[in-house]
Amino acid sequence: MQTIPAKTIIGRTQNTSWFGTDYNMNIYKGCCHGCIYCDSRSDCYQIQDFDTVRAKENAVILIRDELRKKTKTGVIGTGSMSDPYNPFEEKHRLTRQALEYIDEYHFGISIATKSDLICRDIDLLQRIQSHSPAICKITITTLDDELAGKIEPGACVSSRRFKAVQELSEAGIFTGILMMPLLPGLTDTMDNVMAIIHAAKNSGARFIYPMFGLSLRNGQREYLYQKLDELFPELSLRQTYVRLYGSSYVCHSPNSPKLYPLFAQECKKLGILYKMEEIIAAYKKKYQYQQLSLFQ
């Protein structure tokens, strides 16, 4: 695996609105999942050869030293720019070593991944959750393994991800699903959304956070259109997207006005959280009580 130099690994978030995270951590740069829609391909991030995974040099030492020096703990988010459980992680265990220090210095963790390798670290997640908030977010955009294999070719198929949700949930880890993006003309159907909701319920997911549509930026947009032409030539999706979205960044599905209310209704019926503020409150609840009790 290639490496790149790094001076720091953990940075402060601008705000805590995204799953209540206080810090960001990206140990790897680039991703080999090959998801055709990935926002991290965008030119604005200036990641050359995005499909090549590179580890940041001395990442674990940097993480240890940065955590040791911080005067305020909080929740560390990882998985926003590169999946922390890429295939190289199985051997190199950089994410696992980072979790060991996160546990040692009593920080919380928020992980986003498409890999069932996360289940390897259940023991550490349980230890972290014993003292600090921990939340696992498994991205699932379709129930169809064959379709997942086309649009997310390097990631494990959806059925394996649902099994990971179940294993994490049964271990007592606060776990749910990122149902995003939903690609117009492919995965933004009522059947797909309802199937994901019911599979999530059966897997013990506590929440589903959706995006009914996708984001498109320079660099990423061209890559997506090329892949849509290659994989689904009969659907003419490039022409549809150009007509609907032009150069827009946030691209809502034409089906979202009817999909979202039914999605929300079904989640309520099944007791699945879907609003960001409710998800944050739920996974942090008992720790806020613990903090309050210290001052009583």
C-alpha atoms as a PDB file:
ATOM      1  CA  MET A   1       0.000   0.000   0.000  1.00  0.00           C
ATOM      2  CA  GLN A   2       1.238   3.466  -0.872  1.00  0.00           C
ATOM      3  CA  THR A   3       1.717   6.122   1.798  1.00  0.00           C
ATOM      4  CA  ILE A   4       1.582   9.911   1.818  1.00  0.00           C
ATOM      5  CA  PRO A   5       3.074  12.384   4.294  1.00  0.00           C
ATOM      6  CA  ALA A   6       0.814  13.930   6.922  1.00  0.00           C
ATOM      7  CA  LYS A   7       1.272  16.501   9.665  1.00  0.00           C
ATOM      8  CA  THR A   8      -2.081  16.002  11.346  1.00  0.00           C
ATOM      9  CA  ILE A   9      -4.933  13.478  11.227  1.00  0.00           C
ATOM     10  CA  ILE A  10      -7.651  14.807  13.507  1.00  0.00           C
ATOM     11  CA  GLY A  11      -9.314  18.156  12.839  1.00  0.00           C
ATOM     12  CA  ARG A  12     -12.137  20.110  14.437  1.00  0.00           C
ATOM     13  CA  THR A  13     -15.491  20.087  12.635  1.00  0.00           C
ATOM     14  CA  GLN A  14     -17.033  23.444  11.762  1.00  0.00           C
ATOM     15  CA  ASN A  15     -20.202  22.401  13.556  1.00  0.00           C
ATOM     16  CA  THR A  16     -21.774  19.316  15.094  1.00  0.00           C
ATOM     17  CA  SER A  17     -24.832  19.122  12.832  1.00  0.00           C
ATOM     18  CA  TRP A  18     -23.608  15.981  10.997  1.00  0.00           C
ATOM     19  CA  PHE A  19     -24.252  13.174  13.478  1.00  0.00           C
ATOM     20  CA  GLY A  20     -22.993  15.266  16.378  1.00  0.00           C
ATOM     21  CA  THR A  21     -19.292  14.907  15.563  1.00  0.00           C
ATOM     22  CA  ASP A  22     -16.756  17.260  17.129  1.00  0.00           C
ATOM     23  CA  TYR A  23     -13.709  16.069  15.172  1.00  0.00           C
ATOM     24  CA  ASN A  24     -12.928  14.478  11.798  1.00  0.00           C
ATOM     25  CA  MET A  25     -10.376  11.729  11.246  1.00  0.00           C
ATOM     26  CA  ASN A  26      -9.242  10.340   7.885  1.00  0.00           C
ATOM     27  CA  ILE A  27      -6.427   7.817   8.158  1.00  0.00           C
ATOM     28  CA  TYR A  28      -6.541   6.875   4.485  1.00  0.00           C
ATOM     29  CA  LYS A  29      -6.745   8.952   1.316  1.00  0.00           C
ATOM     30  CA  GLY A  30      -8.552   7.652  -1.745  1.00  0.00           C
ATOM     31  CA  CYS A  31     -10.948   4.716  -1.911  1.00  0.00           C
ATOM     32  CA  CYS A  32     -11.122   1.496  -3.923  1.00  0.00           C
ATOM     33  CA  HIS A  33     -14.858   0.814  -3.550  1.00  0.00           C
ATOM     34  CA  GLY A  34     -15.370   2.340  -6.998  1.00  0.00           C
ATOM     35  CA  CYS A  35     -18.815   3.780  -6.227  1.00  0.00           C
ATOM     36  CA  ILE A  36     -19.914   5.526  -9.397  1.00  0.00           C
ATOM     37  CA  TYR A  37     -21.556   8.426  -7.532  1.00  0.00           C
ATOM     38  CA  CYS A  38     -18.891   9.230  -4.914  1.00  0.00           C
ATOM     39  CA  ASP A  39     -18.724  12.932  -4.039  1.00  0.00           C
ATOM     40  CA  SER A  40     -15.107  12.586  -2.915  1.00  0.00           C
ATOM     41  CA  ARG A  41     -14.066  12.314  -6.585  1.00  0.00           C
ATOM     42  CA  SER A  42     -14.947  15.982  -7.016  1.00  0.00           C
ATOM     43  CA  ASP A  43     -12.206  18.285  -8.294  1.00  0.00           C
ATOM     44  CA  CYS A  44     -12.551  20.526  -5.239  1.00  0.00           C
ATOM     45  CA  TYR A  45     -10.911  17.879  -3.034  1.00  0.00           C
ATOM     46  CA  GLN A  46      -7.862  17.630  -5.326  1.00  0.00           C
ATOM     47  CA  ILE A  47      -7.356  13.906  -4.748  1.00  0.00           C
ATOM     48  CA  GLN A  48      -5.236  12.537  -7.569  1.00  0.00           C
ATOM     49  CA  ASP A  49      -5.847   8.926  -8.644  1.00  0.00           C
ATOM     50  CA  PHE A  50      -8.801   8.636  -6.286  1.00  0.00           C
ATOM     51  CA  ASP A  51      -9.187   4.852  -6.715  1.00  0.00           C
ATOM     52  CA  THR A  52      -5.752   4.227  -5.177  1.00  0.00           C
ATOM     53  CA  VAL A  53      -5.809   3.925  -1.383  1.00  0.00           C
ATOM     54  CA  ARG A  54      -2.898   5.566   0.419  1.00  0.00           C
ATOM     55  CA  ALA A  55      -2.278   5.512   4.152  1.00  0.00           C
ATOM     56  CA  LYS A  56      -1.074   8.629   5.908  1.00  0.00           C
ATOM     57  CA  GLU A  57       2.450   8.154   7.225  1.00  0.00           C
ATOM     58  CA  ASN A  58       2.771   7.672  10.979  1.00  0.00           C
ATOM     59  CA  ALA A  59      -1.018   7.945  11.242  1.00  0.00           C
ATOM     60  CA  VAL A  60      -1.354   5.973  14.460  1.00  0.00           C
ATOM     61  CA  ILE A  61       1.423   7.906  16.216  1.00  0.00           C
ATOM     62  CA  LEU A  62      -0.078  11.207  15.082  1.00  0.00           C
ATOM     63  CA  ILE A  63      -3.511  10.155  16.343  1.00  0.00           C
ATOM     64  CA  ARG A  64      -2.103   9.102  19.705  1.00  0.00           C
ATOM     65  CA  ASP A  65      -0.222  12.369  20.149  1.00  0.00           C
ATOM     66  CA  GLU A  66      -3.131  14.532  18.995  1.00  0.00           C
ATOM     67  CA  LEU A  67      -5.626  12.834  21.303  1.00  0.00           C
ATOM     68  CA  ARG A  68      -3.231  13.060  24.227  1.00  0.00           C
ATOM     69  CA  LYS A  69      -2.875  16.826  23.770  1.00  0.00           C
ATOM     70  CA  LYS A  70      -6.557  17.670  23.401  1.00  0.00           C
ATOM     71  CA  THR A  71      -8.079  19.376  26.422  1.00  0.00           C
ATOM     72  CA  LYS A  72     -11.646  18.539  25.435  1.00  0.00           C
ATOM     73  CA  THR A  73     -12.998  15.145  24.449  1.00  0.00           C
ATOM     74  CA  GLY A  74     -15.794  14.642  21.940  1.00  0.00           C
ATOM     75  CA  VAL A  75     -17.036  12.411  19.138  1.00  0.00           C
ATOM     76  CA  ILE A  76     -14.589  11.696  16.319  1.00  0.00           C
ATOM     77  CA  GLY A  77     -16.121  11.083  12.901  1.00  0.00           C
ATOM     78  CA  THR A  78     -14.451   8.921  10.271  1.00  0.00           C
ATOM     79  CA  GLY A  79     -15.487   7.698   6.829  1.00  0.00           C
ATOM     80  CA  SER A  80     -16.441  10.991   5.208  1.00  0.00           C
ATOM     81  CA  MET A  81     -13.690  11.071   2.565  1.00  0.00           C
ATOM     82  CA  SER A  82     -12.337   7.516   2.544  1.00  0.00           C
ATOM     83  CA  ASP A  83     -13.768   4.289   3.917  1.00  0.00           C
ATOM     84  CA  PRO A  84     -11.852   3.389   7.097  1.00  0.00           C
ATOM     85  CA  TYR A  85     -12.502  -0.299   6.379  1.00  0.00           C
ATOM     86  CA  ASN A  86     -10.982  -0.597   2.910  1.00  0.00           C
ATOM     87  CA  PRO A  87      -9.381  -3.963   1.980  1.00  0.00           C
ATOM     88  CA  PHE A  88      -5.934  -2.839   3.208  1.00  0.00           C
ATOM     89  CA  GLU A  89      -7.305  -2.280   6.712  1.00  0.00           C
ATOM     90  CA  GLU A  90      -7.668  -6.029   7.244  1.00  0.00           C
ATOM     91  CA  LYS A  91      -3.876  -6.388   7.185  1.00  0.00           C
ATOM     92  CA  HIS A  92      -2.616  -3.005   8.379  1.00  0.00           C
ATOM     93  CA  ARG A  93      -5.229  -2.423  11.125  1.00  0.00           C
ATOM     94  CA  LEU A  94      -4.716   1.341  11.231  1.00  0.00           C
ATOM     95  CA  THR A  95      -8.376   2.017  11.987  1.00  0.00           C
ATOM     96  CA  ARG A  96      -8.329  -0.570  14.758  1.00  0.00           C
ATOM     97  CA  GLN A  97      -5.235   0.982  16.313  1.00  0.00           C
ATOM     98  CA  ALA A  98      -6.883   4.408  16.119  1.00  0.00           C
ATOM     99  CA  LEU A  99      -9.936   3.026  17.927  1.00  0.00           C
ATOM    100  CA  GLU A 100      -7.669   1.700  20.675  1.00  0.00           C
ATOM    101  CA  TYR A 101      -6.390   5.221  21.336  1.00  0.00           C
ATOM    102  CA  ILE A 102      -9.883   6.692  21.026  1.00  0.00           C
ATOM    103  CA  ASP A 103     -10.904   4.282  23.769  1.00  0.00           C
ATOM    104  CA  GLU A 104      -7.822   4.974  25.884  1.00  0.00           C
ATOM    105  CA  TYR A 105      -8.341   8.739  25.835  1.00  0.00           C
ATOM    106  CA  HIS A 106     -12.117   8.483  26.295  1.00  0.00           C
ATOM    107  CA  PHE A 107     -13.349   9.968  23.033  1.00  0.00           C
ATOM    108  CA  GLY A 108     -16.498   8.902  21.215  1.00  0.00           C
ATOM    109  CA  ILE A 109     -16.694   7.573  17.648  1.00  0.00           C
ATOM    110  CA  SER A 110     -18.933   7.961  14.606  1.00  0.00           C
ATOM    111  CA  ILE A 111     -18.085   5.586  11.745  1.00  0.00           C
ATOM    112  CA  ALA A 112     -19.444   5.503   8.193  1.00  0.00           C
ATOM    113  CA  THR A 113     -18.562   2.481   6.058  1.00  0.00           C
ATOM    114  CA  LYS A 114     -19.719   0.104   3.342  1.00  0.00           C
ATOM    115  CA  SER A 115     -17.644  -2.781   4.705  1.00  0.00           C
ATOM    116  CA  ASP A 116     -18.562  -5.633   7.012  1.00  0.00           C
ATOM    117  CA  LEU A 117     -14.946  -5.617   8.218  1.00  0.00           C
ATOM    118  CA  ILE A 118     -16.204  -3.188  10.860  1.00  0.00           C
ATOM    119  CA  CYS A 119     -17.547  -6.209  12.755  1.00  0.00           C
ATOM    120  CA  ARG A 120     -13.964  -7.223  13.521  1.00  0.00           C
ATOM    121  CA  ASP A 121     -13.784  -4.239  15.877  1.00  0.00           C
ATOM    122  CA  ILE A 122     -16.983  -4.836  17.831  1.00  0.00           C
ATOM    123  CA  ASP A 123     -14.961  -5.416  20.994  1.00  0.00           C
ATOM    124  CA  LEU A 124     -13.399  -1.959  20.749  1.00  0.00           C
ATOM    125  CA  LEU A 125     -16.679  -0.298  19.837  1.00  0.00           C
ATOM    126  CA  GLN A 126     -18.250  -1.842  22.931  1.00  0.00           C
ATOM    127  CA  ARG A 127     -15.412  -0.538  25.076  1.00  0.00           C
ATOM    128  CA  ILE A 128     -15.770   2.955  23.642  1.00  0.00           C
ATOM    129  CA  GLN A 129     -19.532   2.858  24.069  1.00  0.00           C
ATOM    130  CA  SER A 130     -19.070   1.990  27.748  1.00  0.00           C
ATOM    131  CA  HIS A 131     -17.794   5.514  28.391  1.00  0.00           C
ATOM    132  CA  SER A 132     -18.558   7.665  25.327  1.00  0.00           C
ATOM    133  CA  PRO A 133     -21.076   7.940  22.468  1.00  0.00           C
ATOM    134  CA  ALA A 134     -20.559   5.507  19.583  1.00  0.00           C
ATOM    135  CA  ILE A 135     -22.561   5.254  16.372  1.00  0.00           C
ATOM    136  CA  CYS A 136     -22.051   3.053  13.300  1.00  0.00           C
ATOM    137  CA  LYS A 137     -23.543   4.077   9.954  1.00  0.00           C
ATOM    138  CA  ILE A 138     -23.619   1.461   7.198  1.00  0.00           C
ATOM    139  CA  THR A 139     -24.287   2.898   3.740  1.00  0.00           C
ATOM    140  CA  ILE A 140     -26.891   0.904   1.804  1.00  0.00           C
ATOM    141  CA  THR A 141     -28.479   2.333  -1.340  1.00  0.00           C
ATOM    142  CA  THR A 142     -30.219  -0.718  -2.787  1.00  0.00           C
ATOM    143  CA  LEU A 143     -31.469  -4.094  -1.608  1.00  0.00           C
ATOM    144  CA  ASP A 144     -30.449  -5.624  -4.946  1.00  0.00           C
ATOM    145  CA  ASP A 145     -27.010  -7.235  -4.654  1.00  0.00           C
ATOM    146  CA  GLU A 146     -26.588  -7.339  -8.425  1.00  0.00           C
ATOM    147  CA  LEU A 147     -27.294  -3.622  -8.775  1.00  0.00           C
ATOM    148  CA  ALA A 148     -25.040  -2.845  -5.804  1.00  0.00           C
ATOM    149  CA  GLY A 149     -22.286  -4.760  -7.575  1.00  0.00           C
ATOM    150  CA  LYS A 150     -22.611  -2.426 -10.537  1.00  0.00           C
ATOM    151  CA  ILE A 151     -22.822   0.942  -8.810  1.00  0.00           C
ATOM    152  CA  GLU A 152     -20.556   0.056  -5.838  1.00  0.00           C
ATOM    153  CA  PRO A 153     -18.310  -2.590  -7.441  1.00  0.00           C
ATOM    154  CA  GLY A 154     -15.514  -2.645  -4.865  1.00  0.00           C
ATOM    155  CA  ALA A 155     -17.731  -2.731  -1.780  1.00  0.00           C
ATOM    156  CA  CYS A 156     -19.294  -5.812  -0.256  1.00  0.00           C
ATOM    157  CA  VAL A 157     -22.833  -6.457  -1.485  1.00  0.00           C
ATOM    158  CA  SER A 158     -25.864  -5.098   0.346  1.00  0.00           C
ATOM    159  CA  SER A 159     -26.838  -8.421   1.917  1.00  0.00           C
ATOM    160  CA  ARG A 160     -23.465  -8.577   3.675  1.00  0.00           C
ATOM    161  CA  ARG A 161     -23.906  -5.011   4.888  1.00  0.00           C
ATOM    162  CA  PHE A 162     -27.299  -5.856   6.378  1.00  0.00           C
ATOM    163  CA  LYS A 163     -25.662  -8.787   8.176  1.00  0.00           C
ATOM    164  CA  ALA A 164     -23.102  -6.335   9.561  1.00  0.00           C
ATOM    165  CA  VAL A 165     -25.925  -4.091  10.791  1.00  0.00           C
ATOM    166  CA  GLN A 166     -27.458  -7.102  12.529  1.00  0.00           C
ATOM    167  CA  GLU A 167     -24.176  -8.214  14.112  1.00  0.00           C
ATOM    168  CA  LEU A 168     -23.381  -4.715  15.380  1.00  0.00           C
ATOM    169  CA  SER A 169     -26.922  -4.226  16.684  1.00  0.00           C
ATOM    170  CA  GLU A 170     -26.934  -7.576  18.472  1.00  0.00           C
ATOM    171  CA  ALA A 171     -23.664  -6.542  20.124  1.00  0.00           C
ATOM    172  CA  GLY A 172     -25.413  -3.478  21.528  1.00  0.00           C
ATOM    173  CA  ILE A 173     -23.773  -0.913  19.243  1.00  0.00           C
ATOM    174  CA  PHE A 174     -25.994   1.990  18.145  1.00  0.00           C
ATOM    175  CA  THR A 175     -26.195   1.199  14.427  1.00  0.00           C
ATOM    176  CA  GLY A 176     -28.209   2.323  11.437  1.00  0.00           C
ATOM    177  CA  ILE A 177     -28.197   2.970   7.722  1.00  0.00           C
ATOM    178  CA  LEU A 178     -27.138   5.824   5.490  1.00  0.00           C
ATOM    179  CA  MET A 179     -29.580   5.463   2.600  1.00  0.00           C
ATOM    180  CA  MET A 180     -27.731   7.795   0.296  1.00  0.00           C
ATOM    181  CA  PRO A 181     -27.563   8.647  -2.441  1.00  0.00           C
ATOM    182  CA  LEU A 182     -30.695   7.394  -4.137  1.00  0.00           C
ATOM    183  CA  LEU A 183     -29.944   7.658  -7.843  1.00  0.00           C
ATOM    184  CA  PRO A 184     -32.798   9.025  -9.972  1.00  0.00           C
ATOM    185  CA  GLY A 185     -33.947   6.425 -12.460  1.00  0.00           C
ATOM    186  CA  LEU A 186     -32.175   3.591 -10.640  1.00  0.00           C
ATOM    187  CA  THR A 187     -32.698   3.378  -6.887  1.00  0.00           C
ATOM    188  CA  ASP A 188     -35.247   6.133  -6.172  1.00  0.00           C
ATOM    189  CA  THR A 189     -38.228   3.782  -6.328  1.00  0.00           C
ATOM    190  CA  MET A 190     -40.890   3.064  -3.743  1.00  0.00           C
ATOM    191  CA  ASP A 191     -40.111  -0.653  -3.897  1.00  0.00           C
ATOM    192  CA  ASN A 192     -36.421  -0.091  -3.164  1.00  0.00           C
ATOM    193  CA  VAL A 193     -37.021   2.364  -0.328  1.00  0.00           C
ATOM    194  CA  MET A 194     -39.607   0.155   1.372  1.00  0.00           C
ATOM    195  CA  ALA A 195     -37.418  -2.918   0.949  1.00  0.00           C
ATOM    196  CA  ILE A 196     -34.494  -1.149   2.639  1.00  0.00           C
ATOM    197  CA  ILE A 197     -36.710   0.032   5.509  1.00  0.00           C
ATOM    198  CA  HIS A 198     -38.032  -3.458   6.218  1.00  0.00           C
ATOM    199  CA  ALA A 199     -34.611  -5.085   5.871  1.00  0.00           C
ATOM    200  CA  ALA A 200     -33.248  -2.450   8.248  1.00  0.00           C
ATOM    201  CA  LYS A 201     -35.948  -3.258  10.786  1.00  0.00           C
ATOM    202  CA  ASN A 202     -35.238  -6.979  10.516  1.00  0.00           C
ATOM    203  CA  SER A 203     -31.531  -6.281  11.042  1.00  0.00           C
ATOM    204  CA  GLY A 204     -32.091  -4.266  14.206  1.00  0.00           C
ATOM    205  CA  ALA A 205     -31.152  -0.876  12.741  1.00  0.00           C
ATOM    206  CA  ARG A 206     -31.974   2.034  15.032  1.00  0.00           C
ATOM    207  CA  PHE A 207     -32.128   4.632  12.271  1.00  0.00           C
ATOM    208  CA  ILE A 208     -32.122   5.330   8.538  1.00  0.00           C
ATOM    209  CA  TYR A 209     -30.827   8.680   7.314  1.00  0.00           C
ATOM    210  CA  PRO A 210     -31.740   9.269   3.659  1.00  0.00           C
ATOM    211  CA  MET A 211     -30.886  11.482   0.719  1.00  0.00           C
ATOM    212  CA  PHE A 212     -33.509  11.359  -1.990  1.00  0.00           C
ATOM    213  CA  GLY A 213     -31.186  12.290  -4.819  1.00  0.00           C
ATOM    214  CA  LEU A 214     -27.460  12.960  -5.047  1.00  0.00           C
ATOM    215  CA  SER A 215     -24.799  15.642  -5.185  1.00  0.00           C
ATOM    216  CA  LEU A 216     -22.949  16.468  -8.397  1.00  0.00           C
ATOM    217  CA  ARG A 217     -19.770  18.503  -8.748  1.00  0.00           C
ATOM    218  CA  ASN A 218     -17.072  18.971 -11.353  1.00  0.00           C
ATOM    219  CA  GLY A 219     -14.971  15.853 -11.791  1.00  0.00           C
ATOM    220  CA  GLN A 220     -17.476  13.626 -10.048  1.00  0.00           C
ATOM    221  CA  ARG A 221     -20.284  14.544 -12.471  1.00  0.00           C
ATOM    222  CA  GLU A 222     -18.312  13.501 -15.557  1.00  0.00           C
ATOM    223  CA  TYR A 223     -17.251  10.219 -13.977  1.00  0.00           C
ATOM    224  CA  LEU A 224     -20.823   9.358 -13.000  1.00  0.00           C
ATOM    225  CA  TYR A 225     -22.169  10.112 -16.472  1.00  0.00           C
ATOM    226  CA  GLN A 226     -19.486   7.951 -18.081  1.00  0.00           C
ATOM    227  CA  LYS A 227     -20.373   5.033 -15.810  1.00  0.00           C
ATOM    228  CA  LEU A 228     -24.116   5.454 -16.364  1.00  0.00           C
ATOM    229  CA  ASP A 229     -23.499   5.280 -20.125  1.00  0.00           C
ATOM    230  CA  GLU A 230     -21.395   2.125 -19.721  1.00  0.00           C
ATOM    231  CA  LEU A 231     -23.604   0.286 -17.245  1.00  0.00           C
ATOM    232  CA  PHE A 232     -27.120   1.357 -18.215  1.00  0.00           C
ATOM    233  CA  PRO A 233     -27.016   2.502 -21.868  1.00  0.00           C
ATOM    234  CA  GLU A 234     -30.665   1.616 -22.420  1.00  0.00           C
ATOM    235  CA  LEU A 235     -31.852   4.065 -19.738  1.00  0.00           C
ATOM    236  CA  SER A 236     -30.342   7.272 -21.216  1.00  0.00           C
ATOM    237  CA  LEU A 237     -29.657   8.498 -17.685  1.00  0.00           C
ATOM    238  CA  ARG A 238     -26.988  11.008 -18.731  1.00  0.00           C
ATOM    239  CA  GLN A 239     -29.517  12.873 -20.849  1.00  0.00           C
ATOM    240  CA  THR A 240     -32.075  12.777 -18.042  1.00  0.00           C
ATOM    241  CA  TYR A 241     -29.613  14.135 -15.471  1.00  0.00           C
ATOM    242  CA  VAL A 242     -28.367  16.903 -17.776  1.00  0.00           C
ATOM    243  CA  ARG A 243     -31.944  17.976 -18.431  1.00  0.00           C
ATOM    244  CA  LEU A 244     -33.010  17.828 -14.785  1.00  0.00           C
ATOM    245  CA  TYR A 245     -29.933  19.208 -13.048  1.00  0.00           C
ATOM    246  CA  GLY A 246     -27.642  21.081 -15.414  1.00  0.00           C
ATOM    247  CA  SER A 247     -24.724  22.232 -13.250  1.00  0.00           C
ATOM    248  CA  SER A 248     -26.600  22.017  -9.914  1.00  0.00           C
ATOM    249  CA  TYR A 249     -24.799  20.648  -6.867  1.00  0.00           C
ATOM    250  CA  VAL A 250     -27.737  19.267  -4.865  1.00  0.00           C
ATOM    251  CA  CYS A 251     -29.883  17.184  -7.203  1.00  0.00           C
ATOM    252  CA  HIS A 252     -33.183  16.035  -5.733  1.00  0.00           C
ATOM    253  CA  SER A 253     -34.957  13.018  -7.141  1.00  0.00           C
ATOM    254  CA  PRO A 254     -38.152  13.913  -9.029  1.00  0.00           C
ATOM    255  CA  ASN A 255     -39.776  11.210  -6.898  1.00  0.00           C
ATOM    256  CA  SER A 256     -38.757  12.746  -3.557  1.00  0.00           C
ATOM    257  CA  PRO A 257     -42.025  14.674  -2.955  1.00  0.00           C
ATOM    258  CA  LYS A 258     -43.936  11.393  -2.853  1.00  0.00           C
ATOM    259  CA  LEU A 259     -41.154   9.168  -1.501  1.00  0.00           C
ATOM    260  CA  TYR A 260     -40.193  11.126   1.606  1.00  0.00           C
ATOM    261  CA  PRO A 261     -43.638  11.281   3.273  1.00  0.00           C
ATOM    262  CA  LEU A 262     -44.143   7.551   2.772  1.00  0.00           C
ATOM    263  CA  PHE A 263     -40.601   6.841   3.971  1.00  0.00           C
ATOM    264  CA  ALA A 264     -41.212   8.895   7.118  1.00  0.00           C
ATOM    265  CA  GLN A 265     -44.580   7.249   7.724  1.00  0.00           C
ATOM    266  CA  GLU A 266     -43.126   3.741   7.453  1.00  0.00           C
ATOM    267  CA  CYS A 267     -40.173   4.572   9.700  1.00  0.00           C
ATOM    268  CA  LYS A 268     -42.513   5.972  12.354  1.00  0.00           C
ATOM    269  CA  LYS A 269     -44.672   2.867  12.171  1.00  0.00           C
ATOM    270  CA  LEU A 270     -41.667   0.595  12.656  1.00  0.00           C
ATOM    271  CA  GLY A 271     -39.965   2.710  15.322  1.00  0.00           C
ATOM    272  CA  ILE A 272     -36.973   3.642  13.171  1.00  0.00           C
ATOM    273  CA  LEU A 273     -35.413   7.083  13.674  1.00  0.00           C
ATOM    274  CA  TYR A 274     -34.867   9.171  10.545  1.00  0.00           C
ATOM    275  CA  LYS A 275     -34.410  12.800  11.632  1.00  0.00           C
ATOM    276  CA  MET A 276     -30.841  13.924  12.293  1.00  0.00           C
ATOM    277  CA  GLU A 277     -31.560  15.679  15.581  1.00  0.00           C
ATOM    278  CA  GLU A 278     -33.396  12.615  16.923  1.00  0.00           C
ATOM    279  CA  ILE A 279     -30.587  10.262  15.900  1.00  0.00           C
ATOM    280  CA  ILE A 280     -27.977  12.445  17.613  1.00  0.00           C
ATOM    281  CA  ALA A 281     -30.082  12.764  20.754  1.00  0.00           C
ATOM    282  CA  ALA A 282     -30.670   9.003  20.922  1.00  0.00           C
ATOM    283  CA  TYR A 283     -27.064   7.851  20.671  1.00  0.00           C
ATOM    284  CA  LYS A 284     -25.772  10.556  23.029  1.00  0.00           C
ATOM    285  CA  LYS A 285     -28.606  10.474  25.546  1.00  0.00           C
ATOM    286  CA  LYS A 286     -27.165   8.381  28.358  1.00  0.00           C
ATOM    287  CA  TYR A 287     -23.803  10.161  28.212  1.00  0.00           C
ATOM    288  CA  GLN A 288     -25.426  13.560  28.625  1.00  0.00           C
ATOM    289  CA  TYR A 289     -27.123  12.247  31.765  1.00  0.00           C
ATOM    290  CA  GLN A 290     -23.775  10.947  33.005  1.00  0.00           C
ATOM    291  CA  GLN A 291     -22.182  14.367  32.474  1.00  0.00           C
ATOM    292  CA  LEU A 292     -25.030  16.114  34.257  1.00  0.00           C
ATOM    293  CA  SER A 293     -24.732  13.757  37.216  1.00  0.00           C
ATOM    294  CA  LEU A 294     -21.104  14.765  37.671  1.00  0.00           C
ATOM    295  CA  PHE A 295     -22.210  18.293  38.505  1.00  0.00           C
ATOM    296  CA  GLN A 296     -25.041  17.359  40.858  1.00  0.00           C
END
